[in-house]
Amino acid sequence: MTTPDYTSRFDGALARRLGDRIADTTPFDVDAFVARATDGIEPLRMKERVVAFADALHATGGSYRAVLDGIVASLGAVEDPDAGGAWADFDLWPFTMFVRRHGLDDVDASLDALGALTRRFTAEFAIRPYLVHHTDATFARLEDWVDAPCPHQRRLVSEGTRPRLPWGERLRDLQADPSPSIALLDRLVDDPSEYVRRSVANHLNDIAKDHPALAVTTAERWRDDDTPHRVRLIRHGMRTLVKAGDPGALAVTGVRADADVHVDAFDASTNVTLGEALTLHARITSHEPAPIDVVVDFVIHHVRANGQTSPKVFKWRRRTLAPGETLTLDKGHGIRRITTRRYYPGTHRVDLQVNGAVRASRTFELHVPDA
């Protein structure tokens, strides 16, 4: 999920609404909070504004616990366990940031607050310092949340402990040894909520980037119970390894690396100008005597500044082919300016990858105006 850019939302009006919520439950100087929260805020980006709000809460309230109690009291009851969660109430981000930045000395109360807040706005980022500095206490709380009636709390168990959570700091200890989180994922793999199971799959994919063999053996254990939701979860959790052609990941997702399939055709644009699309065409026929799963990806070897190339795998299609069946694929892949990659002109290679193995290759010239 991409974080929405609500920079302008974090303004004086929102600061006053948040301050009023707290003041309704505990003594709190709303005017002083608004002044502190908005002082010099104009050039700040969204997350910087959230930090400014959180620090202003701490500076205004007199004590961390007083402000925290006011925040929790202001939340009210959530009657429906499935209601809210994730990014539902974006305005509450300063509250989770407040707990993240200022609550480490009051662990139990802070974790209680995160358990309540995550039902309205995700606490997956706020809990990470607690995992680092108060590991045992935080894992004890996660053990409780595994069985919580609220799916947002159960999701926090998986999402909050992801070692490579996007936009969150790395959890180096769990990167080195993911076994504590795997023990929790084992209890969530059959969660009744697809929302929770999706997080488990993403967590497994994180583990696969540092411990591919462990991720595969975990998936193999889970695959012992071949329910449809486990099959979907494992496919999603193995996606990085499948794209890399890992034999164990291919096997556990039901894909044979040695499948007898033939590439009848593979064509690509010969010249592409930055901003246009690379067009791809492939035709693949199965020569297996029984139906076979076929996973088709393509790999672009991007030219770098030093003239070397860097491969990037892109998913294309997964299909079950009957004996003798032919799969025809056409695709336009846009090559446009993005913030995460700089394009350089020159000869690029594009590979057709079928069931983890490169079966055909083509080259194209990328033209970059004003390069």
Protein backbone atom coordinates (compact mmCIF):
# COMPACT_ATOMS: atom_id res chain seq x y z
CA MET A 1 0.00 0.00 0.00
CA THR A 2 1.25 3.48 -0.88
CA THR A 3 1.08 6.08 1.85
CA PRO A 4 -1.27 8.88 0.71
CA ASP A 5 0.23 12.36 0.60
CA TYR A 6 -1.95 14.35 2.97
CA THR A 7 0.64 17.03 3.78
CA SER A 8 -1.83 19.90 3.72
CA ARG A 9 -4.18 17.95 5.98
CA PHE A 10 -1.80 18.38 8.93
CA ASP A 11 -2.53 22.05 9.54
CA GLY A 12 -3.78 24.30 12.31
CA ALA A 13 -7.37 23.13 11.92
CA LEU A 14 -6.42 19.49 12.44
CA ALA A 15 -4.16 20.40 15.37
CA ARG A 16 -7.11 22.11 17.04
CA ARG A 17 -9.41 19.14 16.43
CA LEU A 18 -6.87 16.77 17.96
CA GLY A 19 -6.28 19.10 20.89
CA ASP A 20 -10.01 19.43 21.49
CA ARG A 21 -10.38 15.64 21.58
CA ILE A 22 -7.83 15.41 24.37
CA ALA A 23 -9.22 18.43 26.22
CA ASP A 24 -12.63 16.77 26.29
CA THR A 25 -11.20 14.02 28.50
CA THR A 26 -8.33 15.60 30.45
CA PRO A 27 -6.95 19.10 31.22
CA PHE A 28 -5.02 20.21 28.12
CA ASP A 29 -4.01 23.63 26.78
CA VAL A 30 -5.30 23.45 23.23
CA ASP A 31 -4.13 26.92 22.22
CA ALA A 32 -0.58 26.22 23.36
CA PHE A 33 -0.58 22.90 21.54
CA VAL A 34 -1.81 24.43 18.27
CA ALA A 35 0.80 27.18 18.47
CA ARG A 36 3.63 24.69 19.04
CA ALA A 37 2.38 22.21 16.44
CA THR A 38 2.11 24.81 13.67
CA ASP A 39 5.18 26.90 14.42
CA GLY A 40 7.28 26.80 11.26
CA ILE A 41 5.18 24.02 9.76
CA GLU A 42 4.65 25.50 6.30
CA PRO A 43 7.76 24.10 4.53
CA LEU A 44 7.57 20.71 6.26
CA ARG A 45 6.63 17.50 4.48
CA MET A 46 3.86 15.21 5.71
CA LYS A 47 5.84 12.98 8.08
CA GLU A 48 7.79 15.99 9.40
CA ARG A 49 4.48 17.65 10.25
CA VAL A 50 3.31 14.51 12.04
CA VAL A 51 6.50 14.53 14.11
CA ALA A 52 5.97 18.22 14.91
CA PHE A 53 2.43 17.45 16.12
CA ALA A 54 3.67 14.54 18.25
CA ASP A 55 6.43 16.60 19.85
CA ALA A 56 4.02 19.46 20.49
CA LEU A 57 1.72 17.04 22.32
CA HIS A 58 4.62 16.03 24.52
CA ALA A 59 5.68 19.62 25.18
CA THR A 60 2.15 20.77 26.03
CA GLY A 61 0.68 18.03 28.17
CA GLY A 62 2.82 18.22 31.28
CA SER A 63 3.53 14.49 31.37
CA TYR A 64 3.55 11.65 28.89
CA ARG A 65 1.01 9.60 30.84
CA ALA A 66 -1.42 12.49 31.16
CA VAL A 67 -1.45 13.05 27.40
CA LEU A 68 -1.57 9.32 26.69
CA ASP A 69 -4.55 8.80 29.00
CA GLY A 70 -6.31 11.68 27.28
CA ILE A 71 -5.62 10.20 23.85
CA VAL A 72 -6.92 6.75 24.80
CA ALA A 73 -9.99 8.17 26.50
CA SER A 74 -10.75 10.25 23.42
CA LEU A 75 -10.90 7.20 21.17
CA GLY A 76 -14.16 5.82 22.52
CA ALA A 77 -15.38 2.28 22.01
CA VAL A 78 -15.21 0.32 18.77
CA GLU A 79 -18.22 -1.98 18.79
CA ASP A 80 -17.44 -3.77 15.53
CA PRO A 81 -14.09 -5.63 15.70
CA ASP A 82 -13.74 -5.36 11.91
CA ALA A 83 -14.30 -1.59 11.77
CA GLY A 84 -11.51 0.93 11.13
CA GLY A 85 -7.89 -0.09 11.13
CA ALA A 86 -5.01 0.35 8.69
CA TRP A 87 -5.23 3.88 7.25
CA ALA A 88 -8.89 4.45 8.21
CA ASP A 89 -8.45 7.54 10.40
CA PHE A 90 -5.36 9.23 9.02
CA ASP A 91 -5.82 12.18 11.39
CA LEU A 92 -4.67 9.97 14.28
CA TRP A 93 -1.15 9.49 12.95
CA PRO A 94 0.25 12.12 15.35
CA PHE A 95 -1.10 10.03 18.26
CA THR A 96 0.76 6.87 17.18
CA MET A 97 3.85 8.99 16.48
CA PHE A 98 3.58 10.44 19.99
CA VAL A 99 3.64 6.93 21.47
CA ARG A 100 6.52 5.94 19.20
CA ARG A 101 8.71 8.93 20.10
CA HIS A 102 7.92 9.53 23.75
CA GLY A 103 6.55 6.34 25.34
CA LEU A 104 9.49 3.98 25.68
CA ASP A 105 9.81 4.65 29.39
CA ASP A 106 6.19 3.58 30.03
CA VAL A 107 6.05 0.32 28.10
CA ASP A 108 2.85 -1.32 29.33
CA ALA A 109 0.71 1.79 28.99
CA SER A 110 2.22 2.56 25.60
CA LEU A 111 1.51 -0.92 24.26
CA ASP A 112 -2.03 -0.72 25.62
CA ALA A 113 -2.44 2.53 23.70
CA LEU A 114 -1.03 1.08 20.47
CA GLY A 115 -3.45 -1.84 20.78
CA ALA A 116 -6.31 0.64 20.95
CA LEU A 117 -4.96 2.99 18.28
CA THR A 118 -4.28 0.29 15.70
CA ARG A 119 -8.01 -0.34 15.52
CA ARG A 120 -8.37 3.18 14.08
CA PHE A 121 -5.00 3.86 12.43
CA THR A 122 -2.17 1.40 11.91
CA ALA A 123 0.49 1.14 14.64
CA GLU A 124 2.86 -0.95 12.52
CA PHE A 125 5.48 1.83 12.48
CA ALA A 126 5.00 2.99 16.07
CA ILE A 127 5.59 -0.43 17.60
CA ARG A 128 9.00 -0.95 16.03
CA PRO A 129 11.10 0.92 18.65
CA TYR A 130 9.42 -1.19 21.32
CA LEU A 131 10.51 -4.36 19.53
CA VAL A 132 14.07 -3.05 19.55
CA HIS A 133 14.27 -1.64 23.09
CA HIS A 134 11.72 -3.79 24.96
CA THR A 135 11.76 -7.00 22.96
CA ASP A 136 10.46 -9.44 25.59
CA ALA A 137 7.62 -7.23 26.81
CA THR A 138 6.54 -6.42 23.27
CA PHE A 139 6.58 -10.02 22.11
CA ALA A 140 4.56 -10.98 25.18
CA ARG A 141 1.93 -8.46 24.08
CA LEU A 142 2.03 -9.76 20.51
CA GLU A 143 1.33 -13.24 21.86
CA ASP A 144 -1.86 -11.85 23.39
CA TRP A 145 -2.90 -10.03 20.21
CA VAL A 146 -2.60 -13.18 18.11
CA ASP A 147 -5.90 -14.27 19.65
CA ALA A 148 -7.56 -10.83 19.76
CA PRO A 149 -11.07 -10.62 18.31
CA CYS A 150 -10.03 -7.54 16.31
CA PRO A 151 -8.29 -8.36 12.99
CA HIS A 152 -6.42 -5.05 13.09
CA GLN A 153 -4.67 -6.11 16.28
CA ARG A 154 -3.91 -9.54 14.82
CA ARG A 155 -2.52 -7.90 11.68
CA LEU A 156 -0.26 -5.72 13.85
CA VAL A 157 1.39 -8.91 15.13
CA SER A 158 2.55 -9.73 11.61
CA GLU A 159 2.91 -6.29 10.03
CA GLY A 160 4.64 -4.69 13.01
CA THR A 161 7.32 -7.39 13.11
CA ARG A 162 8.07 -7.42 9.38
CA PRO A 163 11.87 -7.08 9.23
CA ARG A 164 11.76 -5.08 5.99
CA LEU A 165 8.51 -3.15 6.40
CA PRO A 166 8.30 -0.49 3.66
CA TRP A 167 8.79 3.03 5.09
CA GLY A 168 9.77 1.52 8.45
CA GLU A 169 13.22 1.06 9.91
CA ARG A 170 14.76 -2.38 9.53
CA LEU A 171 14.43 -4.76 12.48
CA ARG A 172 18.01 -6.02 12.36
CA ASP A 173 17.64 -8.68 15.05
CA LEU A 174 14.64 -10.20 13.28
CA GLN A 175 16.48 -9.97 9.97
CA ALA A 176 19.30 -11.99 11.51
CA ASP A 177 16.98 -14.47 13.26
CA PRO A 178 13.33 -14.43 12.18
CA SER A 179 12.36 -17.45 14.29
CA PRO A 180 10.48 -15.40 16.96
CA SER A 181 8.21 -13.87 14.33
CA ILE A 182 7.80 -17.18 12.45
CA ALA A 183 6.38 -18.65 15.67
CA LEU A 184 3.72 -15.93 15.56
CA LEU A 185 3.08 -16.32 11.83
CA ASP A 186 2.47 -20.05 12.38
CA ARG A 187 -0.53 -19.04 14.49
CA LEU A 188 -1.82 -16.54 11.93
CA VAL A 189 -1.47 -18.52 8.71
CA ASP A 190 -5.10 -19.69 9.00
CA ASP A 191 -6.48 -16.42 10.30
CA PRO A 192 -10.12 -15.95 9.22
CA SER A 193 -9.28 -12.49 7.81
CA GLU A 194 -7.74 -12.24 4.33
CA TYR A 195 -6.41 -8.86 5.48
CA VAL A 196 -4.33 -10.60 8.17
CA ARG A 197 -3.25 -13.47 5.92
CA ARG A 198 -2.04 -10.96 3.30
CA SER A 199 0.24 -9.45 5.93
CA VAL A 200 1.55 -12.92 6.79
CA ALA A 201 2.38 -13.47 3.12
CA ASN A 202 4.19 -10.14 2.89
CA HIS A 203 6.10 -10.98 6.06
CA LEU A 204 7.17 -14.33 4.59
CA ASN A 205 8.36 -12.48 1.48
CA ASP A 206 10.46 -10.22 3.71
CA ILE A 207 12.06 -13.27 5.35
CA ALA A 208 12.75 -14.76 1.91
CA LYS A 209 15.01 -11.83 1.03
CA ASP A 210 17.40 -12.62 3.90
CA HIS A 211 16.79 -16.34 4.52
CA PRO A 212 15.48 -17.93 1.32
CA ALA A 213 15.94 -21.51 2.50
CA LEU A 214 14.13 -20.84 5.78
CA ALA A 215 11.28 -19.12 3.95
CA VAL A 216 10.91 -22.11 1.64
CA THR A 217 10.92 -24.65 4.50
CA THR A 218 8.33 -22.53 6.32
CA ALA A 219 6.16 -22.47 3.21
CA GLU A 220 6.60 -26.23 2.84
CA ARG A 221 5.36 -26.75 6.41
CA TRP A 222 2.35 -24.58 5.72
CA ARG A 223 1.69 -26.34 2.43
CA ASP A 224 1.20 -29.63 4.30
CA ASP A 225 -2.35 -28.37 4.79
CA ASP A 226 -3.27 -27.70 1.17
CA THR A 227 -6.24 -25.37 1.71
CA PRO A 228 -7.00 -22.77 -0.98
CA HIS A 229 -6.17 -19.83 1.28
CA ARG A 230 -2.79 -21.35 2.19
CA VAL A 231 -2.01 -21.90 -1.48
CA ARG A 232 -2.74 -18.21 -2.20
CA LEU A 233 -0.76 -17.06 0.82
CA ILE A 234 2.28 -19.14 -0.10
CA ARG A 235 2.25 -17.97 -3.72
CA HIS A 236 2.24 -14.37 -2.57
CA GLY A 237 4.88 -14.99 0.07
CA MET A 238 7.19 -16.76 -2.40
CA ARG A 239 6.84 -14.15 -5.15
CA THR A 240 10.35 -12.71 -4.87
CA LEU A 241 11.97 -16.13 -4.86
CA VAL A 242 9.76 -17.33 -7.72
CA LYS A 243 10.81 -14.35 -9.83
CA ALA A 244 14.42 -15.19 -8.98
CA GLY A 245 13.89 -18.76 -10.20
CA ASP A 246 14.49 -20.39 -6.80
CA PRO A 247 13.79 -24.13 -7.29
CA GLY A 248 12.37 -24.64 -3.79
CA ALA A 249 10.03 -21.68 -4.10
CA LEU A 250 8.89 -22.83 -7.52
CA ALA A 251 8.21 -26.33 -6.23
CA VAL A 252 6.26 -25.23 -3.15
CA THR A 253 4.04 -23.03 -5.33
CA GLY A 254 3.31 -25.93 -7.67
CA VAL A 255 5.66 -24.95 -10.49
CA ARG A 256 8.17 -27.33 -12.10
CA ALA A 257 11.40 -25.73 -13.21
CA ASP A 258 11.98 -28.58 -15.69
CA ALA A 259 8.56 -28.35 -17.33
CA ASP A 260 8.60 -29.32 -21.01
CA VAL A 261 7.37 -26.06 -22.49
CA HIS A 262 8.56 -24.52 -25.74
CA VAL A 263 8.89 -20.84 -26.59
CA ASP A 264 7.52 -20.60 -30.12
CA ALA A 265 8.06 -16.84 -30.36
CA PHE A 266 9.43 -13.95 -28.34
CA ASP A 267 9.57 -10.46 -29.80
CA ALA A 268 10.27 -7.03 -28.35
CA SER A 269 10.53 -3.46 -29.56
CA THR A 270 13.91 -2.68 -31.03
CA ASN A 271 13.86 1.04 -30.21
CA VAL A 272 12.18 2.76 -27.28
CA THR A 273 12.31 6.42 -26.27
CA LEU A 274 11.99 7.20 -22.58
CA GLY A 275 8.32 7.88 -21.93
CA GLU A 276 7.14 5.26 -24.41
CA ALA A 277 6.27 1.57 -23.91
CA LEU A 278 8.37 -1.49 -24.62
CA THR A 279 6.08 -3.88 -26.49
CA LEU A 280 6.47 -7.60 -25.85
CA HIS A 281 4.99 -10.63 -27.57
CA ALA A 282 5.42 -14.27 -26.54
CA ARG A 283 3.93 -17.59 -27.59
CA ILE A 284 4.52 -20.63 -25.37
CA THR A 285 3.34 -24.21 -25.89
CA SER A 286 3.22 -27.03 -23.35
CA HIS A 287 4.53 -30.42 -24.41
CA GLU A 288 3.76 -32.03 -21.05
CA PRO A 289 1.47 -35.10 -21.02
CA ALA A 290 -0.65 -33.57 -18.21
CA PRO A 291 -1.76 -30.05 -17.24
CA ILE A 292 1.17 -27.94 -16.04
CA ASP A 293 1.44 -24.60 -14.25
CA VAL A 294 3.42 -22.04 -16.21
CA VAL A 295 4.77 -18.83 -14.67
CA VAL A 296 5.94 -16.26 -17.21
CA ASP A 297 8.03 -13.25 -16.21
CA PHE A 298 10.27 -10.87 -18.13
CA VAL A 299 13.59 -9.44 -17.04
CA ILE A 300 14.91 -6.06 -18.18
CA HIS A 301 18.63 -5.51 -17.80
CA HIS A 302 18.78 -1.75 -17.25
CA VAL A 303 21.92 0.10 -18.27
CA ARG A 304 23.59 1.90 -15.39
CA ALA A 305 25.77 5.02 -15.34
CA ASN A 306 28.97 2.93 -15.48
CA GLY A 307 27.78 1.02 -18.53
CA GLN A 308 27.07 -2.19 -16.60
CA THR A 309 23.52 -3.55 -16.41
CA SER A 310 21.20 -4.30 -13.52
CA PRO A 311 18.37 -6.86 -13.93
CA LYS A 312 14.81 -6.24 -12.77
CA VAL A 313 12.20 -9.01 -12.92
CA PHE A 314 8.59 -8.14 -13.77
CA LYS A 315 5.63 -10.49 -13.37
CA TRP A 316 3.68 -11.27 -16.51
CA ARG A 317 1.28 -14.23 -16.30
CA ARG A 318 0.59 -17.49 -14.50
CA ARG A 319 -1.56 -20.07 -16.24
CA THR A 320 -2.29 -23.79 -16.20
CA LEU A 321 -1.73 -25.18 -19.68
CA ALA A 322 -3.30 -28.38 -20.96
CA PRO A 323 -1.16 -30.79 -23.01
CA GLY A 324 -0.44 -29.13 -26.35
CA GLU A 325 -2.04 -25.85 -25.33
CA THR A 326 -0.44 -22.60 -26.51
CA LEU A 327 -0.38 -19.42 -24.45
CA THR A 328 -0.11 -16.15 -26.40
CA LEU A 329 0.88 -13.02 -24.49
CA ASP A 330 1.15 -9.37 -25.51
CA LYS A 331 2.18 -6.54 -23.25
CA GLY A 332 3.16 -2.89 -23.30
CA HIS A 333 5.60 -2.06 -20.50
CA GLY A 334 5.92 1.68 -19.91
CA ILE A 335 9.46 3.02 -19.51
CA ARG A 336 8.92 6.37 -17.87
CA ARG A 337 10.75 8.61 -15.44
CA ILE A 338 10.26 7.42 -11.87
CA THR A 339 11.79 8.48 -8.58
CA THR A 340 13.32 5.08 -7.81
CA ARG A 341 15.30 4.59 -11.02
CA ARG A 342 17.34 6.73 -13.39
CA TYR A 343 17.39 5.58 -16.98
CA TYR A 344 20.46 5.72 -19.18
CA PRO A 345 20.60 5.35 -22.96
CA GLY A 346 22.08 2.30 -24.59
CA THR A 347 21.47 -1.33 -25.42
CA HIS A 348 19.16 -3.05 -22.95
CA ARG A 349 18.46 -6.78 -22.85
CA VAL A 350 15.05 -8.23 -22.07
CA ASP A 351 14.74 -11.92 -21.15
CA LEU A 352 11.68 -14.14 -21.25
CA GLN A 353 11.65 -16.24 -18.07
CA VAL A 354 9.43 -19.32 -17.89
CA ASN A 355 9.18 -21.28 -14.63
CA GLY A 356 12.27 -19.55 -13.30
CA ALA A 357 14.51 -20.19 -16.32
CA VAL A 358 15.45 -17.77 -19.09
CA ARG A 359 14.13 -19.25 -22.32
CA ALA A 360 14.70 -16.40 -24.81
CA SER A 361 16.28 -12.94 -25.01
CA ARG A 362 16.05 -9.83 -27.14
CA THR A 363 17.74 -6.41 -27.08
CA PHE A 364 16.39 -2.92 -27.58
CA GLU A 365 17.93 0.53 -27.75
CA LEU A 366 16.70 2.98 -25.15
CA HIS A 367 16.88 6.62 -26.18
CA VAL A 368 16.88 9.18 -23.38
CA PRO A 369 16.36 12.76 -24.59
CA ASP A 370 18.81 15.25 -23.11
CA ALA A 371 20.76 12.41 -21.48
